[in-house]
Amino acid sequence: MSVFTDPLSQQFQTLTPDLRGYGRSRASADFQMQDHLDDLEAVLDRFEVSQCLVLGWSLGGILALELALRLPQRVCGLILVATAARPHSAHPPLSWQDNLMTGLASAANLISPGNAWARDWGQQSLFRYLIRQHTPAAYRYLAYQGAPAYLRTSGYATRALNQAIRQGYSRLDDLKQLEIPCLMLCAEGDCHITLASSLETAAALPNCTTIRYPDVAHLFPWEIPQQVQQDIANWLAVRSDQWPSAARRNGD
């Protein structure tokens, strides 16, 4: 999440907890998606956060919506990235060649992030469904942040997510409750959570600004970080009087 928190921490106090079963938040038994919300509420309680903005990317965006529905008095705004309240995927079937090229591209990228071989093999691998712009900068994000995050994802977390997907998750009908300011950022080339499902969610939110980016995919914050960071900054600035003063740095 540093692509977001590095600039945001200059203005706001930022908290970036690893979800249960991801990163350094280990899991030792099966759990349900609801447990993520219990954990996030506990983090807010621990740091005595009475009001906050919540930014969520992909699954994190779904949980951001859930947290706002659960704690309307505490969540005063949402920044939603490549996500949806009724997520749909258009990911093509995978072949053994996809997996082979992904392994080669990942290995080459870990040895020398952003090198030409990694980017060439990456365009023939599963990376082509995650990014459209195969730049050295995007591949450095994949090496330094994407690969460690993937390797630290536990089987418990994967099972919890798959179970929720099989149950046909949808919160579209509840979004009318969220009158807080929302920003939806979505990619036209996203096949993991499709553009159509993100736009459907944005349309269901009463107070949502939508920005769609061409020629990028699900990991677009790593493809066009400066553009994404500027768009978030602009949206926050226009609504600066709506954010909790306690969250701002140096009383700004």
Protein backbone atom coordinates (compact mmCIF):
# COMPACT_ATOMS: atom_id res chain seq x y z
CA MET A 1 0.00 0.00 0.00
CA SER A 2 3.03 2.32 0.00
CA VAL A 3 2.01 3.63 -3.42
CA PHE A 4 -0.86 5.28 -1.54
CA THR A 5 0.54 5.84 1.94
CA ASP A 6 3.83 7.44 0.94
CA PRO A 7 2.07 10.59 -0.34
CA LEU A 8 -0.94 10.40 2.00
CA SER A 9 1.22 10.19 5.12
CA GLN A 10 2.52 13.68 4.34
CA GLN A 11 -0.95 15.02 5.11
CA PHE A 12 -2.72 12.34 7.15
CA GLN A 13 -1.97 9.88 9.89
CA THR A 14 -2.05 6.53 8.06
CA LEU A 15 -2.65 3.01 9.35
CA THR A 16 -2.02 0.06 7.00
CA PRO A 17 -2.84 -3.21 8.76
CA ASP A 18 -2.19 -6.51 7.03
CA LEU A 19 -5.44 -8.46 6.83
CA ARG A 20 -5.65 -11.73 8.70
CA GLY A 21 -3.78 -14.39 6.75
CA TYR A 22 -1.95 -11.83 4.62
CA GLY A 23 1.48 -10.27 5.00
CA ARG A 24 2.67 -10.41 8.60
CA SER A 25 -0.81 -11.02 10.07
CA ARG A 26 -0.59 -14.76 10.34
CA ALA A 27 -3.55 -17.14 10.61
CA SER A 28 -3.51 -20.53 12.33
CA ALA A 29 -7.02 -21.75 11.52
CA ASP A 30 -9.82 -21.28 9.02
CA PHE A 31 -11.82 -18.09 9.31
CA GLN A 32 -14.56 -16.17 7.53
CA MET A 33 -14.48 -12.82 5.75
CA GLN A 34 -16.44 -11.33 8.63
CA ASP A 35 -13.36 -11.82 10.81
CA HIS A 36 -11.48 -9.24 8.74
CA LEU A 37 -14.04 -6.63 9.80
CA ASP A 38 -13.70 -7.59 13.46
CA ASP A 39 -9.94 -7.19 13.11
CA LEU A 40 -10.22 -3.78 11.41
CA GLU A 41 -12.61 -2.49 14.04
CA ALA A 42 -10.17 -3.67 16.71
CA VAL A 43 -7.38 -1.68 15.02
CA LEU A 44 -9.50 1.48 15.09
CA ASP A 45 -10.28 0.87 18.76
CA ARG A 46 -6.65 0.22 19.63
CA PHE A 47 -5.53 3.51 18.07
CA GLU A 48 -8.60 5.36 19.36
CA VAL A 49 -9.67 6.43 15.88
CA SER A 50 -13.08 8.07 16.14
CA GLN A 51 -13.31 9.07 12.46
CA CYS A 52 -11.35 8.05 9.41
CA LEU A 53 -11.14 7.82 5.65
CA VAL A 54 -10.76 4.28 4.37
CA LEU A 55 -8.85 3.39 1.20
CA GLY A 56 -9.24 -0.13 -0.14
CA TRP A 57 -7.81 -1.84 -3.20
CA SER A 58 -9.50 -4.94 -4.67
CA LEU A 59 -10.57 -7.12 -1.70
CA GLY A 60 -9.59 -4.17 0.49
CA GLY A 61 -12.19 -2.05 -1.30
CA ILE A 62 -14.91 -4.61 -0.55
CA LEU A 63 -13.91 -4.53 3.10
CA ALA A 64 -13.84 -0.72 3.04
CA LEU A 65 -17.47 -0.72 1.90
CA GLU A 66 -18.35 -3.27 4.57
CA LEU A 67 -16.60 -1.25 7.27
CA ALA A 68 -18.47 1.91 6.26
CA LEU A 69 -21.78 0.04 6.42
CA ARG A 70 -20.85 -1.41 9.80
CA LEU A 71 -19.43 1.79 11.35
CA PRO A 72 -21.20 4.73 9.68
CA GLN A 73 -20.34 7.06 12.54
CA ARG A 74 -16.60 6.40 12.15
CA VAL A 75 -16.03 6.18 8.39
CA CYS A 76 -16.35 9.64 6.84
CA GLY A 77 -15.14 8.85 3.30
CA LEU A 78 -14.05 6.05 0.99
CA ILE A 79 -11.39 5.72 -1.69
CA LEU A 80 -12.18 2.58 -3.67
CA VAL A 81 -9.60 1.13 -6.06
CA ALA A 82 -10.33 -1.66 -8.58
CA THR A 83 -13.18 -3.05 -6.52
CA ALA A 84 -16.93 -3.61 -6.49
CA ALA A 85 -19.85 -4.36 -4.19
CA ARG A 86 -20.91 -7.13 -6.59
CA PRO A 87 -17.57 -8.18 -8.08
CA HIS A 88 -17.38 -9.96 -11.41
CA SER A 89 -14.32 -11.44 -13.08
CA ALA A 90 -13.59 -11.87 -16.77
CA HIS A 91 -10.28 -13.66 -16.32
CA PRO A 92 -9.51 -16.08 -19.21
CA PRO A 93 -8.75 -19.75 -18.49
CA LEU A 94 -5.14 -20.49 -17.56
CA SER A 95 -2.81 -22.79 -19.46
CA TRP A 96 0.37 -24.55 -18.40
CA GLN A 97 2.26 -22.13 -20.67
CA ASP A 98 0.84 -19.22 -18.65
CA ASN A 99 2.12 -20.74 -15.42
CA LEU A 100 5.53 -21.57 -16.92
CA MET A 101 6.07 -18.07 -18.28
CA THR A 102 4.87 -16.54 -15.00
CA GLY A 103 7.48 -18.55 -13.13
CA LEU A 104 10.24 -17.49 -15.53
CA ALA A 105 9.19 -13.83 -15.49
CA SER A 106 8.91 -13.80 -11.69
CA ALA A 107 12.33 -15.39 -11.21
CA ALA A 108 14.00 -13.01 -13.66
CA ASN A 109 12.26 -10.05 -12.07
CA LEU A 110 13.35 -11.01 -8.56
CA ILE A 111 16.97 -11.32 -9.69
CA SER A 112 16.96 -7.93 -11.38
CA PRO A 113 13.66 -6.03 -10.99
CA GLY A 114 12.45 -4.42 -14.19
CA ASN A 115 15.01 -6.05 -16.50
CA ALA A 116 14.19 -6.59 -20.18
CA TRP A 117 13.91 -10.40 -19.94
CA ALA A 118 11.43 -10.19 -17.08
CA ARG A 119 9.29 -7.71 -18.99
CA ASP A 120 9.43 -9.73 -22.20
CA TRP A 121 8.45 -12.97 -20.46
CA GLY A 122 5.93 -11.08 -18.36
CA GLN A 123 3.96 -10.11 -21.45
CA GLN A 124 3.55 -13.83 -22.17
CA SER A 125 2.62 -14.69 -18.58
CA LEU A 126 -0.19 -14.04 -16.12
CA PHE A 127 1.30 -10.58 -15.62
CA ARG A 128 -0.45 -9.54 -18.83
CA TYR A 129 -3.78 -9.86 -17.00
CA LEU A 130 -2.58 -7.75 -14.08
CA ILE A 131 -0.87 -4.90 -15.94
CA ARG A 132 -1.01 -3.45 -19.43
CA GLN A 133 1.99 -1.15 -19.27
CA HIS A 134 5.06 -3.37 -18.87
CA THR A 135 7.42 -0.68 -17.66
CA PRO A 136 10.49 -1.14 -15.44
CA ALA A 137 8.71 0.84 -12.70
CA ALA A 138 5.69 -1.49 -12.71
CA TYR A 139 7.96 -4.53 -12.55
CA ARG A 140 9.85 -3.08 -9.61
CA TYR A 141 6.55 -2.84 -7.72
CA LEU A 142 5.86 -6.47 -8.67
CA ALA A 143 9.26 -7.55 -7.36
CA TYR A 144 9.48 -5.52 -4.17
CA GLN A 145 5.82 -5.56 -3.10
CA GLY A 146 3.77 -7.92 -5.25
CA ALA A 147 5.94 -11.02 -4.87
CA PRO A 148 6.36 -10.77 -1.06
CA ALA A 149 2.62 -10.16 -0.65
CA TYR A 150 1.80 -13.20 -2.78
CA LEU A 151 4.24 -15.44 -0.92
CA ARG A 152 2.87 -14.34 2.46
CA THR A 153 -0.76 -15.10 1.59
CA SER A 154 -1.89 -18.10 3.64
CA GLY A 155 -4.14 -20.91 2.49
CA TYR A 156 -6.59 -19.92 5.22
CA ALA A 157 -7.00 -16.48 3.64
CA THR A 158 -7.45 -17.96 0.16
CA ARG A 159 -10.12 -20.36 1.39
CA ALA A 160 -12.02 -17.58 3.16
CA LEU A 161 -12.02 -15.48 0.00
CA ASN A 162 -13.06 -18.36 -2.26
CA GLN A 163 -15.89 -19.28 0.08
CA ALA A 164 -17.26 -15.73 -0.05
CA ILE A 165 -17.06 -15.71 -3.86
CA ARG A 166 -18.93 -19.03 -4.14
CA GLN A 167 -21.73 -17.62 -1.98
CA GLY A 168 -22.40 -14.93 -4.60
CA TYR A 169 -21.38 -11.86 -2.62
CA SER A 170 -23.35 -8.65 -3.31
CA ARG A 171 -23.96 -5.49 -1.27
CA LEU A 172 -25.32 -3.31 -4.06
CA ASP A 173 -28.73 -2.86 -2.46
CA ASP A 174 -27.17 -1.55 0.76
CA LEU A 175 -24.98 1.13 -0.80
CA LYS A 176 -27.73 3.75 -0.71
CA GLN A 177 -27.03 4.00 3.02
CA LEU A 178 -23.58 5.41 2.32
CA GLU A 179 -24.02 9.13 1.74
CA ILE A 180 -20.39 9.88 2.58
CA PRO A 181 -18.04 11.15 -0.17
CA CYS A 182 -16.61 8.27 -2.21
CA LEU A 183 -13.99 8.08 -4.94
CA MET A 184 -13.99 5.11 -7.31
CA LEU A 185 -10.84 4.49 -9.35
CA CYS A 186 -11.11 1.75 -11.96
CA ALA A 187 -9.26 0.36 -14.97
CA GLU A 188 -10.73 -0.27 -18.39
CA GLY A 189 -8.53 -3.36 -18.80
CA ASP A 190 -9.29 -4.95 -15.43
CA CYS A 191 -10.34 -8.58 -15.83
CA HIS A 192 -10.06 -9.50 -12.13
CA ILE A 193 -12.80 -7.10 -11.03
CA THR A 194 -14.30 -5.80 -14.23
CA LEU A 195 -14.78 -2.17 -15.13
CA ALA A 196 -18.53 -2.80 -15.46
CA SER A 197 -18.82 -4.07 -11.88
CA SER A 198 -16.83 -1.11 -10.53
CA LEU A 199 -19.03 1.33 -12.46
CA GLU A 200 -22.14 -0.45 -11.20
CA THR A 201 -20.97 0.10 -7.64
CA ALA A 202 -20.10 3.73 -8.27
CA ALA A 203 -23.58 4.35 -9.72
CA ALA A 204 -25.20 2.83 -6.62
CA LEU A 205 -23.29 5.12 -4.23
CA PRO A 206 -25.18 8.40 -3.62
CA ASN A 207 -22.07 10.61 -3.50
CA CYS A 208 -19.39 9.02 -5.66
CA THR A 209 -16.80 10.51 -8.02
CA THR A 210 -15.56 8.04 -10.64
CA ILE A 211 -12.27 8.07 -12.55
CA ARG A 212 -11.60 5.39 -15.16
CA TYR A 213 -8.17 4.82 -16.64
CA PRO A 214 -7.53 3.49 -20.17
CA ASP A 215 -4.83 0.97 -21.14
CA VAL A 216 -4.21 -0.29 -17.59
CA ALA A 217 -5.37 -3.33 -15.60
CA HIS A 218 -6.01 -4.48 -12.03
CA LEU A 219 -2.65 -3.31 -10.69
CA PHE A 220 -2.94 0.13 -12.31
CA PRO A 221 -1.72 2.03 -9.22
CA TRP A 222 1.67 0.41 -9.96
CA GLU A 223 1.40 1.21 -13.68
CA ILE A 224 0.51 4.91 -13.39
CA PRO A 225 1.32 5.79 -9.76
CA GLN A 226 1.84 9.52 -10.26
CA GLN A 227 -1.53 9.93 -12.00
CA VAL A 228 -3.37 7.94 -9.36
CA GLN A 229 -1.69 9.80 -6.52
CA GLN A 230 -2.53 13.17 -8.08
CA ASP A 231 -6.16 12.24 -8.67
CA ILE A 232 -6.54 11.16 -5.04
CA ALA A 233 -4.84 14.34 -3.83
CA ASN A 234 -7.14 16.50 -5.96
CA TRP A 235 -10.26 14.74 -4.68
CA LEU A 236 -9.13 15.10 -1.07
CA ALA A 237 -8.29 18.78 -1.54
CA VAL A 238 -11.70 19.67 -2.95
CA ARG A 239 -13.32 18.14 0.15
CA SER A 240 -10.70 19.16 2.70
CA ASP A 241 -13.27 20.66 5.09
CA GLN A 242 -15.03 17.28 5.37
CA TRP A 243 -12.12 15.29 6.75
CA PRO A 244 -11.48 14.85 10.49
CA SER A 245 -8.90 17.38 11.69
CA ALA A 246 -7.45 14.85 14.13
CA ALA A 247 -6.21 12.75 11.22
CA ARG A 248 -4.26 15.58 9.61
CA ARG A 249 -0.57 16.15 10.05
CA ASN A 250 0.60 19.33 11.76
CA GLY A 251 -2.97 20.58 12.08
CA ASP A 252 -3.22 21.27 8.32
